[in-house]
Amino acid sequence: MDDELATKVKEQLDAQLANAAPNVGIAFGLDLFDAFRDRKWITLNTFGALGTSFGATKLPAYGSHYAFPTWDLPENEFKVGEEQDP
């Protein structure tokens, strides 16, 4: 993925995240995940159970959002999760 397309998709993602809860995850198509990781937009952050340090482990993240690749989306698309009611 070239830099121009990657930047455009990043801007679209940032716009969607502006209205999202800080703890929702982001599913990435496989190529898009790799493009974000290569540009260091996806990093390893420490996440624990229910927002605590219990069971903390490093996982891929985009900002405060858990980020994961999936083959269930087209290669260069993403999907922002939705906050669930308790």
Protein backbone atom coordinates (compact mmCIF):
# COMPACT_ATOMS: atom_id res chain seq x y z
CA MET A 1 0.00 0.00 0.00
CA ASP A 2 1.43 3.37 -0.96
CA ASP A 3 1.79 6.21 1.54
CA GLU A 4 -0.98 8.33 0.02
CA LEU A 5 -3.60 5.59 0.32
CA ALA A 6 -2.41 4.61 3.80
CA THR A 7 -2.67 8.22 4.98
CA LYS A 8 -6.16 8.57 3.49
CA VAL A 9 -7.38 5.42 5.26
CA LYS A 10 -5.75 6.59 8.52
CA GLU A 11 -7.65 9.89 8.27
CA GLN A 12 -10.93 7.99 7.75
CA LEU A 13 -10.19 5.78 10.74
CA ASP A 14 -9.29 8.75 12.94
CA ALA A 15 -12.59 10.43 11.98
CA GLN A 16 -14.57 7.35 13.03
CA LEU A 17 -12.63 7.02 16.27
CA ALA A 18 -13.45 10.61 17.22
CA ASN A 19 -16.95 9.37 18.11
CA ALA A 20 -15.98 5.96 19.49
CA ALA A 21 -15.45 4.83 23.07
CA PRO A 22 -11.75 4.57 23.98
CA ASN A 23 -11.94 0.83 24.61
CA VAL A 24 -13.51 -0.45 21.37
CA GLY A 25 -11.40 -2.60 19.10
CA ILE A 26 -10.56 -2.16 15.45
CA ALA A 27 -10.59 -5.00 12.93
CA PHE A 28 -8.21 -4.51 10.00
CA GLY A 29 -8.04 -6.27 6.66
CA LEU A 30 -4.76 -8.17 6.42
CA ASP A 31 -2.95 -5.78 4.05
CA LEU A 32 -4.16 -2.71 5.93
CA PHE A 33 -2.97 -4.13 9.26
CA ASP A 34 0.48 -4.71 7.77
CA ALA A 35 0.55 -1.21 6.25
CA PHE A 36 -0.31 0.38 9.63
CA ARG A 37 2.20 -1.81 11.46
CA ASP A 38 4.96 -1.03 8.95
CA ARG A 39 4.39 2.70 9.54
CA LYS A 40 4.41 2.14 13.31
CA TRP A 41 0.82 3.40 13.61
CA ILE A 42 0.04 0.09 15.30
CA THR A 43 2.20 -0.55 18.34
CA LEU A 44 2.25 -2.99 21.24
CA ASN A 45 0.39 -1.64 24.28
CA THR A 46 -0.31 -3.31 27.60
CA PHE A 47 -3.90 -4.37 28.15
CA GLY A 48 -5.36 -6.02 31.26
CA ALA A 49 -8.67 -7.57 32.20
CA LEU A 50 -11.51 -5.04 32.52
CA GLY A 51 -9.13 -2.09 32.38
CA THR A 52 -7.03 -3.29 35.32
CA SER A 53 -3.47 -4.60 35.38
CA PHE A 54 -4.73 -8.12 36.12
CA GLY A 55 -3.52 -10.51 33.45
CA ALA A 56 -1.83 -7.65 31.61
CA THR A 57 -0.23 -8.53 28.32
CA LYS A 58 1.09 -6.64 25.32
CA LEU A 59 -1.25 -6.61 22.35
CA PRO A 60 -1.41 -4.69 19.07
CA ALA A 61 -3.04 -1.28 19.48
CA TYR A 62 -3.90 1.81 17.51
CA GLY A 63 -3.83 4.52 20.17
CA SER A 64 -5.92 3.17 23.06
CA HIS A 65 -7.78 0.71 20.80
CA TYR A 66 -7.03 -2.99 20.51
CA ALA A 67 -6.16 -3.64 16.85
CA PHE A 68 -6.33 -7.01 15.14
CA PRO A 69 -6.06 -8.39 11.60
CA THR A 70 -8.84 -10.49 10.12
CA TRP A 71 -9.45 -12.19 6.79
CA ASP A 72 -13.18 -11.48 7.26
CA LEU A 73 -12.73 -7.96 5.83
CA PRO A 74 -11.47 -6.87 2.43
CA GLU A 75 -7.68 -6.44 2.43
CA ASN A 76 -7.63 -2.63 2.78
CA GLU A 77 -10.67 -2.01 4.97
CA PHE A 78 -11.28 -1.64 8.69
CA LYS A 79 -14.21 -1.87 11.07
CA VAL A 80 -14.46 -0.01 14.38
CA GLY A 81 -16.21 -2.00 17.09
CA GLU A 82 -19.18 -0.75 19.06
CA GLU A 83 -19.39 -0.27 22.80
CA GLN A 84 -21.53 -2.97 24.38
CA ASP A 85 -24.06 -2.31 27.13
CA PRO A 86 -23.14 -4.04 30.38
